[in-house]
Amino acid sequence: MTEPNVKQTVPMLGVTNMEASLRFYVDGLGFEMINKWTPEGKIRWCWLQLGGAALMLQEFTKNRLPEVKLGHGVSINFQCKDSLAIYHQVTARGIRVKNPSVGNSMWVTSFTDPDGYAIHFHSPTDAPEETEFNPSSPESRHS
């Protein structure tokens, strides 16, 4: 049996303001910058990693801004062991987010990035569908 040729898919998101995007992904969500391209000393492209998942960001140049709204119809979904842990880590960093809820037998913690891309973290649960996580309730299920 041969080893698979394709190893990973890495979405690349076009962004309008790299600094704002890096604040969101690195400072807020906890991604680590693994690689970057810095023409004229400014980050224009980067590879971000969070655990085993990755994203690339590339800033549009002023003369090549898209004519359509960014993020419309784009949803990046990360499968993880514990999406509620993501919720707790991110809110501790000051990012505001609505409470996670259960859909398709998974806790879903959702964010919208500065350009409108939908970012979701999912983890399996046996909690009933449409259950909303209540961080102030001691009986909130975390499974």
N, C-alpha and C. Protein backbone atom coordinates (compact mmCIF):
# COMPACT_ATOMS: atom_id res chain seq x y z
N MET A 1 0.85 -1.19 0.00
CA MET A 1 0.00 0.00 0.00
C MET A 1 0.89 1.24 0.00
N THR A 2 0.58 2.19 -0.83
CA THR A 2 1.38 3.40 -0.91
C THR A 2 0.83 4.47 0.01
N GLU A 3 1.71 5.34 0.41
CA GLU A 3 1.34 6.46 1.28
C GLU A 3 0.54 7.48 0.46
N PRO A 4 -0.53 8.05 1.05
CA PRO A 4 -1.32 9.05 0.31
C PRO A 4 -0.46 10.25 -0.10
N ASN A 5 -0.73 10.76 -1.28
CA ASN A 5 -0.01 11.92 -1.79
C ASN A 5 -0.50 13.21 -1.15
N VAL A 6 -1.80 13.39 -1.02
CA VAL A 6 -2.37 14.61 -0.46
C VAL A 6 -2.43 14.46 1.05
N LYS A 7 -1.89 15.42 1.77
CA LYS A 7 -1.76 15.34 3.23
C LYS A 7 -2.70 16.28 3.99
N GLN A 8 -2.98 17.45 3.44
CA GLN A 8 -3.71 18.44 4.21
C GLN A 8 -4.33 19.46 3.26
N THR A 9 -5.46 20.02 3.65
CA THR A 9 -6.00 21.16 2.94
C THR A 9 -5.86 22.37 3.85
N VAL A 10 -5.43 23.48 3.27
CA VAL A 10 -5.22 24.70 4.05
C VAL A 10 -5.94 25.84 3.34
N PRO A 11 -7.08 26.26 3.87
CA PRO A 11 -7.80 27.38 3.24
C PRO A 11 -6.97 28.66 3.30
N MET A 12 -7.03 29.44 2.23
CA MET A 12 -6.40 30.76 2.23
C MET A 12 -7.51 31.80 2.14
N LEU A 13 -7.53 32.70 3.12
CA LEU A 13 -8.54 33.75 3.17
C LEU A 13 -7.93 35.07 2.75
N GLY A 14 -8.55 35.74 1.80
CA GLY A 14 -8.15 37.09 1.45
C GLY A 14 -8.68 38.03 2.51
N VAL A 15 -7.81 38.93 3.02
CA VAL A 15 -8.22 39.84 4.08
C VAL A 15 -7.94 41.29 3.67
N THR A 16 -8.69 42.20 4.25
CA THR A 16 -8.52 43.61 3.91
C THR A 16 -7.57 44.34 4.84
N ASN A 17 -7.39 43.81 6.06
CA ASN A 17 -6.51 44.46 7.03
C ASN A 17 -5.78 43.36 7.82
N MET A 18 -4.53 43.10 7.44
CA MET A 18 -3.78 42.01 8.05
C MET A 18 -3.64 42.19 9.55
N GLU A 19 -3.39 43.42 10.01
CA GLU A 19 -3.22 43.65 11.45
C GLU A 19 -4.48 43.24 12.22
N ALA A 20 -5.64 43.64 11.72
CA ALA A 20 -6.91 43.29 12.38
C ALA A 20 -7.12 41.77 12.35
N SER A 21 -6.80 41.16 11.24
CA SER A 21 -6.96 39.71 11.13
C SER A 21 -6.02 38.97 12.07
N LEU A 22 -4.78 39.43 12.19
CA LEU A 22 -3.84 38.79 13.10
C LEU A 22 -4.26 38.97 14.55
N ARG A 23 -4.81 40.13 14.90
CA ARG A 23 -5.33 40.31 16.27
C ARG A 23 -6.42 39.28 16.54
N PHE A 24 -7.30 39.06 15.57
CA PHE A 24 -8.39 38.12 15.73
C PHE A 24 -7.88 36.68 15.83
N TYR A 25 -7.09 36.25 14.85
CA TYR A 25 -6.68 34.85 14.78
C TYR A 25 -5.57 34.50 15.78
N VAL A 26 -4.57 35.34 15.92
CA VAL A 26 -3.44 35.04 16.80
C VAL A 26 -3.75 35.44 18.24
N ASP A 27 -4.03 36.71 18.46
CA ASP A 27 -4.29 37.20 19.82
C ASP A 27 -5.61 36.68 20.38
N GLY A 28 -6.63 36.57 19.53
CA GLY A 28 -7.95 36.16 19.99
C GLY A 28 -8.16 34.66 20.02
N LEU A 29 -8.00 33.99 18.86
CA LEU A 29 -8.29 32.57 18.78
C LEU A 29 -7.11 31.68 19.17
N GLY A 30 -5.92 32.25 19.24
CA GLY A 30 -4.77 31.47 19.70
C GLY A 30 -3.96 30.78 18.62
N PHE A 31 -4.16 31.14 17.36
CA PHE A 31 -3.34 30.57 16.29
C PHE A 31 -1.90 31.04 16.46
N GLU A 32 -0.96 30.26 15.94
CA GLU A 32 0.46 30.61 15.94
C GLU A 32 0.90 30.87 14.51
N MET A 33 1.64 31.95 14.29
CA MET A 33 2.15 32.25 12.95
C MET A 33 3.38 31.37 12.70
N ILE A 34 3.29 30.52 11.69
CA ILE A 34 4.35 29.57 11.36
C ILE A 34 5.27 30.11 10.27
N ASN A 35 4.70 30.87 9.35
CA ASN A 35 5.47 31.41 8.24
C ASN A 35 4.82 32.72 7.79
N LYS A 36 5.61 33.57 7.17
CA LYS A 36 5.06 34.85 6.70
C LYS A 36 5.87 35.37 5.52
N TRP A 37 5.24 36.22 4.75
CA TRP A 37 5.88 36.92 3.63
C TRP A 37 5.75 38.40 3.94
N THR A 38 6.88 39.12 3.96
CA THR A 38 6.87 40.52 4.40
C THR A 38 7.56 41.45 3.40
N PRO A 39 6.97 41.66 2.24
CA PRO A 39 7.57 42.65 1.33
C PRO A 39 7.47 44.05 1.94
N GLU A 40 8.49 44.84 1.79
CA GLU A 40 8.55 46.19 2.38
C GLU A 40 8.33 46.16 3.90
N GLY A 41 8.66 45.05 4.55
CA GLY A 41 8.58 44.97 6.01
C GLY A 41 7.19 44.81 6.59
N LYS A 42 6.17 44.61 5.76
CA LYS A 42 4.80 44.45 6.23
C LYS A 42 4.30 43.05 5.87
N ILE A 43 3.65 42.39 6.82
CA ILE A 43 3.12 41.05 6.55
C ILE A 43 2.00 41.16 5.53
N ARG A 44 2.18 40.45 4.41
CA ARG A 44 1.14 40.43 3.36
C ARG A 44 0.52 39.05 3.23
N TRP A 45 1.27 38.01 3.65
CA TRP A 45 0.78 36.64 3.63
C TRP A 45 1.33 35.95 4.86
N CYS A 46 0.55 35.02 5.43
CA CYS A 46 1.07 34.22 6.54
C CYS A 46 0.35 32.88 6.60
N TRP A 47 1.05 31.94 7.24
CA TRP A 47 0.52 30.60 7.54
C TRP A 47 0.29 30.56 9.03
N LEU A 48 -0.94 30.27 9.45
CA LEU A 48 -1.29 30.20 10.86
C LEU A 48 -1.65 28.77 11.22
N GLN A 49 -1.26 28.33 12.41
CA GLN A 49 -1.49 26.96 12.85
C GLN A 49 -2.16 26.98 14.22
N LEU A 50 -3.12 26.09 14.41
CA LEU A 50 -3.75 25.87 15.72
C LEU A 50 -3.90 24.37 15.86
N GLY A 51 -3.06 23.78 16.70
CA GLY A 51 -3.05 22.32 16.80
C GLY A 51 -2.70 21.73 15.45
N GLY A 52 -3.52 20.82 14.94
CA GLY A 52 -3.27 20.19 13.65
C GLY A 52 -3.94 20.89 12.49
N ALA A 53 -4.55 22.05 12.71
CA ALA A 53 -5.25 22.78 11.65
C ALA A 53 -4.47 24.02 11.25
N ALA A 54 -4.68 24.45 10.02
CA ALA A 54 -3.96 25.62 9.52
C ALA A 54 -4.85 26.47 8.63
N LEU A 55 -4.50 27.75 8.55
CA LEU A 55 -5.11 28.72 7.64
C LEU A 55 -3.99 29.56 7.05
N MET A 56 -4.21 30.06 5.86
CA MET A 56 -3.33 31.08 5.31
C MET A 56 -4.16 32.36 5.15
N LEU A 57 -3.52 33.48 5.43
CA LEU A 57 -4.15 34.79 5.21
C LEU A 57 -3.32 35.55 4.20
N GLN A 58 -3.95 36.22 3.27
CA GLN A 58 -3.24 37.10 2.34
C GLN A 58 -4.01 38.40 2.22
N GLU A 59 -3.30 39.50 2.45
CA GLU A 59 -3.94 40.81 2.40
C GLU A 59 -4.06 41.28 0.95
N PHE A 60 -5.23 41.78 0.62
CA PHE A 60 -5.43 42.37 -0.70
C PHE A 60 -4.63 43.65 -0.82
N THR A 61 -4.10 43.92 -2.01
CA THR A 61 -3.45 45.22 -2.23
C THR A 61 -4.55 46.25 -2.48
N LYS A 62 -4.21 47.51 -2.26
CA LYS A 62 -5.22 48.57 -2.40
C LYS A 62 -5.87 48.58 -3.79
N ASN A 63 -5.09 48.30 -4.82
CA ASN A 63 -5.64 48.36 -6.18
C ASN A 63 -6.30 47.04 -6.60
N ARG A 64 -6.34 46.07 -5.72
CA ARG A 64 -6.95 44.77 -6.04
C ARG A 64 -7.98 44.35 -5.00
N LEU A 65 -8.62 45.30 -4.37
CA LEU A 65 -9.68 44.97 -3.40
C LEU A 65 -10.85 44.33 -4.15
N PRO A 66 -11.46 43.31 -3.58
CA PRO A 66 -12.59 42.66 -4.26
C PRO A 66 -13.80 43.58 -4.33
N GLU A 67 -14.61 43.37 -5.35
CA GLU A 67 -15.81 44.18 -5.51
C GLU A 67 -16.99 43.61 -4.75
N VAL A 68 -16.85 42.40 -4.23
CA VAL A 68 -17.92 41.76 -3.47
C VAL A 68 -17.57 41.75 -1.99
N LYS A 69 -18.58 41.57 -1.17
CA LYS A 69 -18.36 41.50 0.27
C LYS A 69 -17.62 40.20 0.60
N LEU A 70 -16.55 40.30 1.35
CA LEU A 70 -15.79 39.12 1.75
C LEU A 70 -16.56 38.29 2.76
N GLY A 71 -16.25 37.02 2.82
CA GLY A 71 -16.82 36.14 3.82
C GLY A 71 -18.19 35.59 3.50
N HIS A 72 -18.90 36.21 2.58
CA HIS A 72 -20.27 35.77 2.27
C HIS A 72 -20.24 34.33 1.76
N GLY A 73 -20.91 33.44 2.50
CA GLY A 73 -21.01 32.05 2.09
C GLY A 73 -19.80 31.19 2.44
N VAL A 74 -18.80 31.77 3.12
CA VAL A 74 -17.61 31.02 3.48
C VAL A 74 -17.67 30.64 4.95
N SER A 75 -17.51 29.35 5.21
CA SER A 75 -17.55 28.84 6.57
C SER A 75 -16.39 27.87 6.74
N ILE A 76 -15.50 28.16 7.70
CA ILE A 76 -14.37 27.29 8.00
C ILE A 76 -14.74 26.54 9.28
N ASN A 77 -14.70 25.22 9.22
CA ASN A 77 -15.14 24.38 10.33
C ASN A 77 -13.98 23.54 10.84
N PHE A 78 -13.65 23.69 12.11
CA PHE A 78 -12.57 22.96 12.75
C PHE A 78 -13.18 21.88 13.64
N GLN A 79 -12.77 20.64 13.44
CA GLN A 79 -13.18 19.54 14.30
C GLN A 79 -12.17 19.45 15.43
N CYS A 80 -12.63 19.43 16.65
CA CYS A 80 -11.71 19.40 17.78
C CYS A 80 -12.23 18.49 18.89
N LYS A 81 -11.38 18.24 19.81
CA LYS A 81 -11.71 17.38 20.95
C LYS A 81 -12.71 18.07 21.88
N ASP A 82 -12.53 19.39 22.09
CA ASP A 82 -13.35 20.12 23.06
C ASP A 82 -13.54 21.57 22.61
N SER A 83 -14.61 21.82 21.88
CA SER A 83 -14.86 23.18 21.40
C SER A 83 -15.25 24.13 22.53
N LEU A 84 -15.74 23.59 23.65
CA LEU A 84 -16.05 24.46 24.79
C LEU A 84 -14.77 25.01 25.40
N ALA A 85 -13.69 24.25 25.34
CA ALA A 85 -12.39 24.76 25.80
C ALA A 85 -11.96 25.94 24.94
N ILE A 86 -12.21 25.87 23.65
CA ILE A 86 -11.93 27.01 22.75
C ILE A 86 -12.73 28.22 23.21
N TYR A 87 -14.00 28.01 23.49
CA TYR A 87 -14.87 29.09 23.97
C TYR A 87 -14.26 29.75 25.22
N HIS A 88 -13.87 28.93 26.19
CA HIS A 88 -13.32 29.46 27.44
C HIS A 88 -11.99 30.20 27.21
N GLN A 89 -11.13 29.65 26.38
CA GLN A 89 -9.83 30.29 26.10
C GLN A 89 -10.02 31.64 25.41
N VAL A 90 -10.90 31.66 24.42
CA VAL A 90 -11.10 32.88 23.63
C VAL A 90 -11.80 33.95 24.44
N THR A 91 -12.81 33.60 25.21
CA THR A 91 -13.49 34.62 26.02
C THR A 91 -12.55 35.15 27.10
N ALA A 92 -11.64 34.31 27.60
CA ALA A 92 -10.65 34.78 28.58
C ALA A 92 -9.71 35.82 27.97
N ARG A 93 -9.56 35.77 26.65
CA ARG A 93 -8.72 36.76 25.94
C ARG A 93 -9.51 38.01 25.56
N GLY A 94 -10.78 38.06 25.95
CA GLY A 94 -11.59 39.26 25.72
C GLY A 94 -12.40 39.25 24.44
N ILE A 95 -12.42 38.15 23.72
CA ILE A 95 -13.24 38.07 22.50
C ILE A 95 -14.67 37.78 22.91
N ARG A 96 -15.59 38.57 22.41
CA ARG A 96 -17.01 38.37 22.70
C ARG A 96 -17.58 37.40 21.68
N VAL A 97 -18.36 36.46 22.17
CA VAL A 97 -18.95 35.44 21.31
C VAL A 97 -20.25 34.98 21.94
N LYS A 98 -21.21 34.60 21.10
CA LYS A 98 -22.44 34.06 21.68
C LYS A 98 -22.14 32.68 22.25
N ASN A 99 -22.97 32.24 23.16
CA ASN A 99 -22.76 30.96 23.82
C ASN A 99 -22.81 29.81 22.82
N PRO A 100 -21.93 28.82 22.99
CA PRO A 100 -21.98 27.64 22.12
C PRO A 100 -23.33 26.93 22.24
N SER A 101 -23.66 26.17 21.22
CA SER A 101 -24.89 25.38 21.24
C SER A 101 -24.64 24.06 20.55
N VAL A 102 -25.58 23.14 20.74
CA VAL A 102 -25.46 21.81 20.16
C VAL A 102 -26.21 21.75 18.84
N GLY A 103 -25.54 21.26 17.82
CA GLY A 103 -26.13 21.01 16.51
C GLY A 103 -25.46 19.80 15.89
N ASN A 104 -26.23 18.89 15.34
CA ASN A 104 -25.69 17.68 14.71
C ASN A 104 -24.83 16.87 15.67
N SER A 105 -25.27 16.78 16.91
CA SER A 105 -24.56 16.02 17.97
C SER A 105 -23.17 16.56 18.27
N MET A 106 -22.99 17.88 18.07
CA MET A 106 -21.71 18.52 18.36
C MET A 106 -21.94 19.86 19.03
N TRP A 107 -21.06 20.17 20.03
CA TRP A 107 -21.01 21.54 20.53
C TRP A 107 -20.39 22.38 19.43
N VAL A 108 -20.99 23.54 19.17
CA VAL A 108 -20.48 24.43 18.13
C VAL A 108 -20.20 25.78 18.77
N THR A 109 -18.94 26.21 18.65
CA THR A 109 -18.53 27.54 19.10
C THR A 109 -18.21 28.33 17.84
N SER A 110 -18.89 29.44 17.62
CA SER A 110 -18.81 30.17 16.35
C SER A 110 -18.32 31.59 16.52
N PHE A 111 -17.59 32.05 15.53
CA PHE A 111 -17.03 33.40 15.48
C PHE A 111 -17.20 33.95 14.07
N THR A 112 -17.14 35.26 13.94
CA THR A 112 -17.05 35.90 12.65
C THR A 112 -15.79 36.75 12.66
N ASP A 113 -14.92 36.55 11.67
CA ASP A 113 -13.66 37.29 11.66
C ASP A 113 -13.88 38.71 11.13
N PRO A 114 -12.85 39.56 11.15
CA PRO A 114 -13.03 40.96 10.76
C PRO A 114 -13.53 41.17 9.33
N ASP A 115 -13.33 40.18 8.45
CA ASP A 115 -13.80 40.30 7.06
C ASP A 115 -15.10 39.57 6.81
N GLY A 116 -15.71 39.00 7.84
CA GLY A 116 -17.00 38.34 7.69
C GLY A 116 -16.95 36.85 7.46
N TYR A 117 -15.77 36.23 7.52
CA TYR A 117 -15.68 34.78 7.38
C TYR A 117 -16.22 34.12 8.64
N ALA A 118 -17.03 33.07 8.48
CA ALA A 118 -17.59 32.33 9.60
C ALA A 118 -16.58 31.26 10.03
N ILE A 119 -16.23 31.26 11.31
CA ILE A 119 -15.27 30.32 11.87
C ILE A 119 -15.99 29.51 12.95
N HIS A 120 -16.00 28.18 12.81
CA HIS A 120 -16.72 27.32 13.74
C HIS A 120 -15.79 26.24 14.28
N PHE A 121 -15.90 25.97 15.58
CA PHE A 121 -15.19 24.88 16.23
C PHE A 121 -16.23 23.88 16.72
N HIS A 122 -16.09 22.60 16.35
CA HIS A 122 -17.06 21.56 16.68
C HIS A 122 -16.41 20.47 17.51
N SER A 123 -17.17 19.91 18.46
CA SER A 123 -16.71 18.73 19.18
C SER A 123 -17.92 17.86 19.52
N PRO A 124 -17.74 16.53 19.49
CA PRO A 124 -18.85 15.61 19.75
C PRO A 124 -19.43 15.76 21.16
N THR A 125 -20.73 15.53 21.26
CA THR A 125 -21.41 15.57 22.55
C THR A 125 -22.62 14.66 22.53
N ASP A 126 -23.08 14.27 23.70
CA ASP A 126 -24.34 13.55 23.80
C ASP A 126 -25.44 14.46 24.36
N ALA A 127 -25.14 15.74 24.52
CA ALA A 127 -26.15 16.71 24.98
C ALA A 127 -27.25 16.83 23.93
N PRO A 128 -28.49 17.11 24.35
CA PRO A 128 -29.60 17.21 23.40
C PRO A 128 -29.38 18.33 22.37
N GLU A 129 -29.91 18.10 21.17
CA GLU A 129 -29.85 19.09 20.11
C GLU A 129 -30.41 20.42 20.60
N GLU A 130 -29.80 21.52 20.14
CA GLU A 130 -30.20 22.90 20.43
C GLU A 130 -29.95 23.31 21.88
N THR A 131 -29.25 22.48 22.67
CA THR A 131 -28.86 22.89 24.01
C THR A 131 -27.91 24.08 23.87
N GLU A 132 -28.13 25.11 24.68
CA GLU A 132 -27.22 26.25 24.70
C GLU A 132 -26.35 26.18 25.94
N PHE A 133 -25.05 26.35 25.76
CA PHE A 133 -24.12 26.33 26.87
C PHE A 133 -24.31 27.60 27.69
N ASN A 134 -24.41 27.44 29.00
CA ASN A 134 -24.54 28.58 29.91
C ASN A 134 -23.31 28.57 30.82
N PRO A 135 -22.33 29.46 30.57
CA PRO A 135 -21.10 29.42 31.34
C PRO A 135 -21.27 29.69 32.82
N SER A 136 -22.38 30.32 33.22
CA SER A 136 -22.56 30.64 34.64
C SER A 136 -23.34 29.54 35.37
N SER A 137 -23.78 28.51 34.64
CA SER A 137 -24.56 27.44 35.26
C SER A 137 -23.67 26.24 35.58
N PRO A 138 -23.61 25.84 36.85
CA PRO A 138 -22.76 24.69 37.22
C PRO A 138 -23.23 23.39 36.58
N GLU A 139 -24.51 23.32 36.22
CA GLU A 139 -24.98 22.07 35.63
C GLU A 139 -24.85 22.03 34.10
N SER A 140 -24.23 23.07 33.50
CA SER A 140 -24.00 23.04 32.06
C SER A 140 -23.19 21.80 31.72
N ARG A 141 -23.69 21.04 30.80
CA ARG A 141 -23.01 19.80 30.42
C ARG A 141 -21.83 20.13 29.54
N HIS A 142 -20.78 19.44 29.75
CA HIS A 142 -19.53 19.67 29.03
C HIS A 142 -19.04 18.30 28.54
N SER A 143 -19.83 17.71 27.62
CA SER A 143 -19.47 16.37 27.14
C SER A 143 -19.35 16.32 25.65
